[in-house]
Amino acid sequence: MKNNLYQKPAILVIVFSVIAFTASRAQTGSPGDETDQRVRKFLTEHSHYWFDMNIPASDGQLLYDLIIKGNYKSALEIGTSTGHSAIWIAWALSKTGGKLITIEINEERYRNALENFREVGLSEYIDARLADAHKLARELKGPFDFVFSDADKDWYKNYFIELDPKLTVGGCFVTHNITERGRGGNRGYGGPAIYLEYVRSLDNYETTLNSTGGGMAISYKRSVR
């Protein structure tokens, strides 16, 4: 009985310490929780802002999910616009410990994107470049494990051919505005149609289409060749 009397106060101290620690964590939250709250708030407040060549929110969520699922860390985006897609990508990379290089050729959109990155608090995960992607994609050394292509549609195949050697096996190459109807090669869909036919012909890539938003071709690199 004597031992139990001495043990009970010690147990109570441990219990109250755990409760106090848990309460403290609940009040302060983790850095990840703070980032999530800040990004969600920003995206909600700017939900009607992304009109200048940006992706819909459903595609942003898809990009986020693909990065989290693949635990990707080295991402490249071609076509920043004012930063909507880059925010979703960088948000995911903040959880995997990665970073994004994003390229935009238009200076006004580029400046707007930088401001959005600062406001949302994700600048440390984004290396934004004001450049011509036709040239810079060739110069970047990589390797990358995630690529999102959403720039000039007639150059889609060229971007892919340039970046394929720099994409790691197991990596994911996502291209926007790709749908089955683009296979006809009609005006406005020539580039996407040619791209889709090409990437589907590659034995070392597995390509599927997602049509929940603007249309995404999702290609996983299964081997070098």
C-alpha atoms as a PDB file:
ATOM      1  CA  MET A   1       0.000   0.000   0.000  1.00  0.00           C
ATOM      2  CA  LYS A   2       2.837   2.355   0.793  1.00  0.00           C
ATOM      3  CA  ASN A   3       4.260   1.970  -2.717  1.00  0.00           C
ATOM      4  CA  ASN A   4       0.879   2.744  -4.311  1.00  0.00           C
ATOM      5  CA  LEU A   5       0.519   5.930  -2.243  1.00  0.00           C
ATOM      6  CA  TYR A   6       3.857   7.154  -3.492  1.00  0.00           C
ATOM      7  CA  GLN A   7       3.138   6.135  -7.097  1.00  0.00           C
ATOM      8  CA  LYS A   8      -0.229   7.945  -7.434  1.00  0.00           C
ATOM      9  CA  PRO A   9       1.148  11.524  -7.104  1.00  0.00           C
ATOM     10  CA  ALA A  10       3.836  10.702  -9.667  1.00  0.00           C
ATOM     11  CA  ILE A  11       1.249   9.356 -12.101  1.00  0.00           C
ATOM     12  CA  LEU A  12      -0.898  12.457 -11.616  1.00  0.00           C
ATOM     13  CA  VAL A  13       2.083  14.695 -12.346  1.00  0.00           C
ATOM     14  CA  ILE A  14       2.730  12.823 -15.609  1.00  0.00           C
ATOM     15  CA  VAL A  15      -0.944  12.975 -16.622  1.00  0.00           C
ATOM     16  CA  PHE A  16      -1.211  16.720 -15.940  1.00  0.00           C
ATOM     17  CA  SER A  17       2.082  17.315 -17.787  1.00  0.00           C
ATOM     18  CA  VAL A  18       0.774  15.518 -20.861  1.00  0.00           C
ATOM     19  CA  ILE A  19      -2.500  17.489 -20.717  1.00  0.00           C
ATOM     20  CA  ALA A  20      -0.625  20.779 -20.382  1.00  0.00           C
ATOM     21  CA  PHE A  21       1.679  19.903 -23.305  1.00  0.00           C
ATOM     22  CA  THR A  22      -1.265  18.890 -25.503  1.00  0.00           C
ATOM     23  CA  ALA A  23      -3.136  22.094 -24.662  1.00  0.00           C
ATOM     24  CA  SER A  24      -0.061  24.130 -25.459  1.00  0.00           C
ATOM     25  CA  ARG A  25       0.312  22.405 -28.851  1.00  0.00           C
ATOM     26  CA  ALA A  26      -3.358  22.976 -29.599  1.00  0.00           C
ATOM     27  CA  GLN A  27      -3.000  26.685 -28.885  1.00  0.00           C
ATOM     28  CA  THR A  28       0.191  27.335 -30.803  1.00  0.00           C
ATOM     29  CA  GLY A  29      -0.217  24.799 -33.620  1.00  0.00           C
ATOM     30  CA  SER A  30       2.585  23.443 -35.778  1.00  0.00           C
ATOM     31  CA  PRO A  31       4.264  25.406 -38.579  1.00  0.00           C
ATOM     32  CA  GLY A  32       2.450  23.177 -41.063  1.00  0.00           C
ATOM     33  CA  ASP A  33      -0.898  24.076 -39.531  1.00  0.00           C
ATOM     34  CA  GLU A  34      -0.091  27.783 -39.778  1.00  0.00           C
ATOM     35  CA  THR A  35       0.922  27.447 -43.421  1.00  0.00           C
ATOM     36  CA  ASP A  36      -2.238  25.504 -44.236  1.00  0.00           C
ATOM     37  CA  GLN A  37      -4.434  28.119 -42.598  1.00  0.00           C
ATOM     38  CA  ARG A  38      -2.664  30.978 -44.340  1.00  0.00           C
ATOM     39  CA  VAL A  39      -2.792  29.351 -47.792  1.00  0.00           C
ATOM     40  CA  ARG A  40      -6.436  28.301 -47.465  1.00  0.00           C
ATOM     41  CA  LYS A  41      -7.367  31.816 -46.372  1.00  0.00           C
ATOM     42  CA  PHE A  42      -5.484  33.351 -49.290  1.00  0.00           C
ATOM     43  CA  LEU A  43      -7.006  30.994 -51.858  1.00  0.00           C
ATOM     44  CA  THR A  44     -10.507  31.574 -50.485  1.00  0.00           C
ATOM     45  CA  GLU A  45     -10.127  35.356 -50.546  1.00  0.00           C
ATOM     46  CA  HIS A  46      -8.711  35.238 -54.091  1.00  0.00           C
ATOM     47  CA  SER A  47     -11.081  32.627 -55.498  1.00  0.00           C
ATOM     48  CA  HIS A  48     -12.395  35.048 -58.147  1.00  0.00           C
ATOM     49  CA  TYR A  49      -8.993  36.590 -58.879  1.00  0.00           C
ATOM     50  CA  TRP A  50      -7.405  33.986 -61.151  1.00  0.00           C
ATOM     51  CA  PHE A  51      -8.692  35.124 -64.526  1.00  0.00           C
ATOM     52  CA  ASP A  52      -5.370  35.794 -66.308  1.00  0.00           C
ATOM     53  CA  MET A  53      -4.371  32.458 -67.872  1.00  0.00           C
ATOM     54  CA  ASN A  54      -4.560  30.564 -64.585  1.00  0.00           C
ATOM     55  CA  ILE A  55      -5.833  27.075 -63.830  1.00  0.00           C
ATOM     56  CA  PRO A  56      -9.124  26.354 -62.008  1.00  0.00           C
ATOM     57  CA  ALA A  57      -8.974  25.408 -58.331  1.00  0.00           C
ATOM     58  CA  SER A  58      -9.848  21.772 -59.090  1.00  0.00           C
ATOM     59  CA  ASP A  59      -6.659  21.476 -61.157  1.00  0.00           C
ATOM     60  CA  GLY A  60      -4.693  23.139 -58.388  1.00  0.00           C
ATOM     61  CA  GLN A  61      -5.961  20.533 -55.947  1.00  0.00           C
ATOM     62  CA  LEU A  62      -4.968  17.796 -58.391  1.00  0.00           C
ATOM     63  CA  LEU A  63      -1.413  19.153 -58.676  1.00  0.00           C
ATOM     64  CA  TYR A  64      -1.199  19.326 -54.888  1.00  0.00           C
ATOM     65  CA  ASP A  65      -2.418  15.738 -54.516  1.00  0.00           C
ATOM     66  CA  LEU A  66      -0.019  14.384 -57.148  1.00  0.00           C
ATOM     67  CA  ILE A  67       2.979  15.952 -55.414  1.00  0.00           C
ATOM     68  CA  ILE A  68       1.967  14.735 -51.969  1.00  0.00           C
ATOM     69  CA  LYS A  69       1.258  11.222 -53.248  1.00  0.00           C
ATOM     70  CA  GLY A  70       4.573  11.013 -55.114  1.00  0.00           C
ATOM     71  CA  ASN A  71       6.539  12.803 -52.381  1.00  0.00           C
ATOM     72  CA  TYR A  72       8.089  14.950 -55.094  1.00  0.00           C
ATOM     73  CA  LYS A  73      10.666  17.543 -54.145  1.00  0.00           C
ATOM     74  CA  SER A  74      12.148  19.070 -57.286  1.00  0.00           C
ATOM     75  CA  ALA A  75       9.452  20.687 -59.408  1.00  0.00           C
ATOM     76  CA  LEU A  76       9.439  22.784 -62.561  1.00  0.00           C
ATOM     77  CA  GLU A  77       6.552  24.829 -63.916  1.00  0.00           C
ATOM     78  CA  ILE A  78       6.440  26.305 -67.400  1.00  0.00           C
ATOM     79  CA  GLY A  79       3.996  29.194 -67.421  1.00  0.00           C
ATOM     80  CA  THR A  80       3.563  30.931 -64.065  1.00  0.00           C
ATOM     81  CA  SER A  81       0.927  33.468 -65.100  1.00  0.00           C
ATOM     82  CA  THR A  82       0.039  35.289 -61.856  1.00  0.00           C
ATOM     83  CA  GLY A  83       0.832  32.300 -59.676  1.00  0.00           C
ATOM     84  CA  HIS A  84      -2.291  30.258 -58.937  1.00  0.00           C
ATOM     85  CA  SER A  85      -0.863  26.876 -59.970  1.00  0.00           C
ATOM     86  CA  ALA A  86       2.527  27.685 -58.427  1.00  0.00           C
ATOM     87  CA  ILE A  87       0.848  28.341 -55.082  1.00  0.00           C
ATOM     88  CA  TRP A  88      -0.793  24.908 -55.094  1.00  0.00           C
ATOM     89  CA  ILE A  89       2.487  23.268 -56.128  1.00  0.00           C
ATOM     90  CA  ALA A  90       4.576  25.165 -53.564  1.00  0.00           C
ATOM     91  CA  TRP A  91       2.023  24.428 -50.844  1.00  0.00           C
ATOM     92  CA  ALA A  92       2.521  20.710 -51.474  1.00  0.00           C
ATOM     93  CA  LEU A  93       6.298  21.125 -51.661  1.00  0.00           C
ATOM     94  CA  SER A  94       6.257  22.854 -48.272  1.00  0.00           C
ATOM     95  CA  LYS A  95       5.174  19.479 -46.905  1.00  0.00           C
ATOM     96  CA  THR A  96       7.598  17.286 -48.873  1.00  0.00           C
ATOM     97  CA  GLY A  97      10.574  19.560 -48.285  1.00  0.00           C
ATOM     98  CA  GLY A  98      10.913  20.544 -51.927  1.00  0.00           C
ATOM     99  CA  LYS A  99      11.148  23.620 -54.099  1.00  0.00           C
ATOM    100  CA  LEU A 100       9.637  24.885 -57.343  1.00  0.00           C
ATOM    101  CA  ILE A 101      11.250  26.642 -60.290  1.00  0.00           C
ATOM    102  CA  THR A 102       8.566  28.468 -62.246  1.00  0.00           C
ATOM    103  CA  ILE A 103       9.048  30.350 -65.522  1.00  0.00           C
ATOM    104  CA  GLU A 104       7.025  33.285 -66.866  1.00  0.00           C
ATOM    105  CA  ILE A 105       7.808  35.353 -69.960  1.00  0.00           C
ATOM    106  CA  ASN A 106       5.412  38.254 -69.316  1.00  0.00           C
ATOM    107  CA  GLU A 107       6.861  40.789 -66.859  1.00  0.00           C
ATOM    108  CA  GLU A 108       3.533  42.131 -65.591  1.00  0.00           C
ATOM    109  CA  ARG A 109       2.234  38.645 -64.786  1.00  0.00           C
ATOM    110  CA  TYR A 110       5.597  37.767 -63.265  1.00  0.00           C
ATOM    111  CA  ARG A 111       5.496  40.799 -60.918  1.00  0.00           C
ATOM    112  CA  ASN A 112       1.931  39.983 -59.892  1.00  0.00           C
ATOM    113  CA  ALA A 113       2.956  36.420 -59.177  1.00  0.00           C
ATOM    114  CA  LEU A 114       5.831  37.527 -56.949  1.00  0.00           C
ATOM    115  CA  GLU A 115       3.453  39.671 -54.917  1.00  0.00           C
ATOM    116  CA  ASN A 116       1.025  36.777 -54.571  1.00  0.00           C
ATOM    117  CA  PHE A 117       3.830  34.472 -53.421  1.00  0.00           C
ATOM    118  CA  ARG A 118       4.862  36.996 -50.774  1.00  0.00           C
ATOM    119  CA  GLU A 119       1.299  37.526 -49.601  1.00  0.00           C
ATOM    120  CA  VAL A 120       0.539  33.823 -49.288  1.00  0.00           C
ATOM    121  CA  GLY A 121       3.855  33.223 -47.490  1.00  0.00           C
ATOM    122  CA  LEU A 122       5.327  30.622 -49.853  1.00  0.00           C
ATOM    123  CA  SER A 123       8.200  32.588 -51.407  1.00  0.00           C
ATOM    124  CA  GLU A 124      10.850  30.396 -49.780  1.00  0.00           C
ATOM    125  CA  TYR A 125       9.560  27.391 -51.731  1.00  0.00           C
ATOM    126  CA  ILE A 126       9.493  29.162 -55.107  1.00  0.00           C
ATOM    127  CA  ASP A 127      12.298  30.191 -57.438  1.00  0.00           C
ATOM    128  CA  ALA A 128      10.420  32.406 -59.914  1.00  0.00           C
ATOM    129  CA  ARG A 129      12.190  33.219 -63.177  1.00  0.00           C
ATOM    130  CA  LEU A 130      11.315  35.943 -65.685  1.00  0.00           C
ATOM    131  CA  ALA A 131      12.505  34.267 -68.869  1.00  0.00           C
ATOM    132  CA  ASP A 132      11.680  32.654 -72.200  1.00  0.00           C
ATOM    133  CA  ALA A 133      10.936  29.016 -71.400  1.00  0.00           C
ATOM    134  CA  HIS A 134      11.935  27.990 -74.944  1.00  0.00           C
ATOM    135  CA  LYS A 135      15.491  28.882 -73.945  1.00  0.00           C
ATOM    136  CA  LEU A 136      15.543  28.351 -70.183  1.00  0.00           C
ATOM    137  CA  ALA A 137      14.022  24.861 -70.285  1.00  0.00           C
ATOM    138  CA  ARG A 138      17.004  23.855 -72.399  1.00  0.00           C
ATOM    139  CA  GLU A 139      19.504  25.441 -70.015  1.00  0.00           C
ATOM    140  CA  LEU A 140      18.146  24.076 -66.729  1.00  0.00           C
ATOM    141  CA  LYS A 141      20.154  21.093 -65.550  1.00  0.00           C
ATOM    142  CA  GLY A 142      17.579  19.384 -63.362  1.00  0.00           C
ATOM    143  CA  PRO A 143      16.949  16.695 -62.382  1.00  0.00           C
ATOM    144  CA  PHE A 144      13.249  17.197 -61.736  1.00  0.00           C
ATOM    145  CA  ASP A 145      10.746  14.730 -60.373  1.00  0.00           C
ATOM    146  CA  PHE A 146       7.664  16.828 -61.193  1.00  0.00           C
ATOM    147  CA  VAL A 147       6.965  19.059 -64.199  1.00  0.00           C
ATOM    148  CA  PHE A 148       3.850  21.104 -64.921  1.00  0.00           C
ATOM    149  CA  SER A 149       3.609  22.456 -68.464  1.00  0.00           C
ATOM    150  CA  ASP A 150       1.058  25.210 -69.059  1.00  0.00           C
ATOM    151  CA  ALA A 151       2.484  27.704 -71.538  1.00  0.00           C
ATOM    152  CA  ASP A 152       2.276  28.009 -75.334  1.00  0.00           C
ATOM    153  CA  LYS A 153       0.323  24.972 -76.515  1.00  0.00           C
ATOM    154  CA  ASP A 154       2.077  24.555 -79.863  1.00  0.00           C
ATOM    155  CA  TRP A 155       5.353  24.093 -77.979  1.00  0.00           C
ATOM    156  CA  TYR A 156       4.095  21.339 -75.658  1.00  0.00           C
ATOM    157  CA  LYS A 157       5.872  18.537 -77.502  1.00  0.00           C
ATOM    158  CA  ASN A 158       9.107  20.549 -77.646  1.00  0.00           C
ATOM    159  CA  TYR A 159       9.015  21.220 -73.901  1.00  0.00           C
ATOM    160  CA  PHE A 160       8.484  17.542 -73.210  1.00  0.00           C
ATOM    161  CA  ILE A 161      11.313  16.400 -75.486  1.00  0.00           C
ATOM    162  CA  GLU A 162      13.660  18.950 -73.887  1.00  0.00           C
ATOM    163  CA  LEU A 163      12.779  17.992 -70.309  1.00  0.00           C
ATOM    164  CA  ASP A 164      12.289  14.233 -70.613  1.00  0.00           C
ATOM    165  CA  PRO A 165      16.019  13.466 -70.048  1.00  0.00           C
ATOM    166  CA  LYS A 166      15.918  15.668 -66.927  1.00  0.00           C
ATOM    167  CA  LEU A 167      12.885  13.941 -65.414  1.00  0.00           C
ATOM    168  CA  THR A 168      13.751  11.193 -62.962  1.00  0.00           C
ATOM    169  CA  VAL A 169      12.362   7.684 -63.338  1.00  0.00           C
ATOM    170  CA  GLY A 170       9.200   7.637 -61.262  1.00  0.00           C
ATOM    171  CA  GLY A 171       8.700  11.323 -61.939  1.00  0.00           C
ATOM    172  CA  CYS A 172       5.499  12.907 -63.165  1.00  0.00           C
ATOM    173  CA  PHE A 173       5.014  15.209 -66.165  1.00  0.00           C
ATOM    174  CA  VAL A 174       1.662  17.032 -66.151  1.00  0.00           C
ATOM    175  CA  THR A 175       0.382  19.062 -69.101  1.00  0.00           C
ATOM    176  CA  HIS A 176      -2.603  21.391 -68.945  1.00  0.00           C
ATOM    177  CA  ASN A 177      -5.462  21.867 -71.421  1.00  0.00           C
ATOM    178  CA  ILE A 178      -5.272  18.338 -72.791  1.00  0.00           C
ATOM    179  CA  THR A 179      -8.516  16.563 -73.647  1.00  0.00           C
ATOM    180  CA  GLU A 180      -9.611  13.756 -75.938  1.00  0.00           C
ATOM    181  CA  ARG A 181     -11.276  16.225 -78.271  1.00  0.00           C
ATOM    182  CA  GLY A 182      -7.855  17.709 -78.937  1.00  0.00           C
ATOM    183  CA  ARG A 183      -6.842  14.599 -80.862  1.00  0.00           C
ATOM    184  CA  GLY A 184      -8.542  15.880 -84.010  1.00  0.00           C
ATOM    185  CA  GLY A 185      -5.908  18.554 -84.499  1.00  0.00           C
ATOM    186  CA  ASN A 186      -8.555  21.220 -85.213  1.00  0.00           C
ATOM    187  CA  ARG A 187      -7.753  24.914 -84.863  1.00  0.00           C
ATOM    188  CA  GLY A 188      -6.867  25.752 -81.256  1.00  0.00           C
ATOM    189  CA  TYR A 189      -6.073  22.135 -80.366  1.00  0.00           C
ATOM    190  CA  GLY A 190      -3.298  21.308 -82.819  1.00  0.00           C
ATOM    191  CA  GLY A 191      -0.468  21.498 -80.283  1.00  0.00           C
ATOM    192  CA  PRO A 192      -2.247  19.589 -77.513  1.00  0.00           C
ATOM    193  CA  ALA A 193      -3.425  16.937 -79.992  1.00  0.00           C
ATOM    194  CA  ILE A 194       0.075  16.395 -81.356  1.00  0.00           C
ATOM    195  CA  TYR A 195       1.468  16.296 -77.830  1.00  0.00           C
ATOM    196  CA  LEU A 196      -1.059  13.764 -76.585  1.00  0.00           C
ATOM    197  CA  GLU A 197      -0.466  11.475 -79.542  1.00  0.00           C
ATOM    198  CA  TYR A 198       3.278  11.691 -78.996  1.00  0.00           C
ATOM    199  CA  VAL A 199       3.354  11.064 -75.256  1.00  0.00           C
ATOM    200  CA  ARG A 200       0.949   8.146 -75.594  1.00  0.00           C
ATOM    201  CA  SER A 201       3.299   6.543 -78.108  1.00  0.00           C
ATOM    202  CA  LEU A 202       6.131   6.326 -75.552  1.00  0.00           C
ATOM    203  CA  ASP A 203       6.584   2.869 -74.059  1.00  0.00           C
ATOM    204  CA  ASN A 204       8.393   4.193 -71.006  1.00  0.00           C
ATOM    205  CA  TYR A 205       5.563   6.559 -69.996  1.00  0.00           C
ATOM    206  CA  GLU A 206       2.140   5.780 -68.603  1.00  0.00           C
ATOM    207  CA  THR A 207      -0.304   8.552 -69.486  1.00  0.00           C
ATOM    208  CA  THR A 208      -3.842   9.153 -68.253  1.00  0.00           C
ATOM    209  CA  LEU A 209      -6.218  12.073 -68.703  1.00  0.00           C
ATOM    210  CA  ASN A 210      -8.072  13.949 -65.980  1.00  0.00           C
ATOM    211  CA  SER A 211     -11.045  16.008 -67.126  1.00  0.00           C
ATOM    212  CA  THR A 212     -12.352  17.392 -63.831  1.00  0.00           C
ATOM    213  CA  GLY A 213     -11.025  20.881 -64.602  1.00  0.00           C
ATOM    214  CA  GLY A 214      -9.277  22.272 -67.646  1.00  0.00           C
ATOM    215  CA  GLY A 215      -8.013  18.883 -68.768  1.00  0.00           C
ATOM    216  CA  MET A 216      -4.728  17.368 -67.615  1.00  0.00           C
ATOM    217  CA  ALA A 217      -2.456  14.766 -69.181  1.00  0.00           C
ATOM    218  CA  ILE A 218      -0.666  12.989 -66.340  1.00  0.00           C
ATOM    219  CA  SER A 219       2.398  11.056 -67.510  1.00  0.00           C
ATOM    220  CA  TYR A 220       4.530   8.899 -65.193  1.00  0.00           C
ATOM    221  CA  LYS A 221       8.026   8.008 -66.322  1.00  0.00           C
ATOM    222  CA  ARG A 222       8.402   4.264 -65.700  1.00  0.00           C
ATOM    223  CA  SER A 223      11.901   3.768 -67.163  1.00  0.00           C
ATOM    224  CA  VAL A 224      14.646   5.647 -68.987  1.00  0.00           C
ATOM    225  CA  ARG A 225      13.595   4.176 -72.350  1.00  0.00           C
END
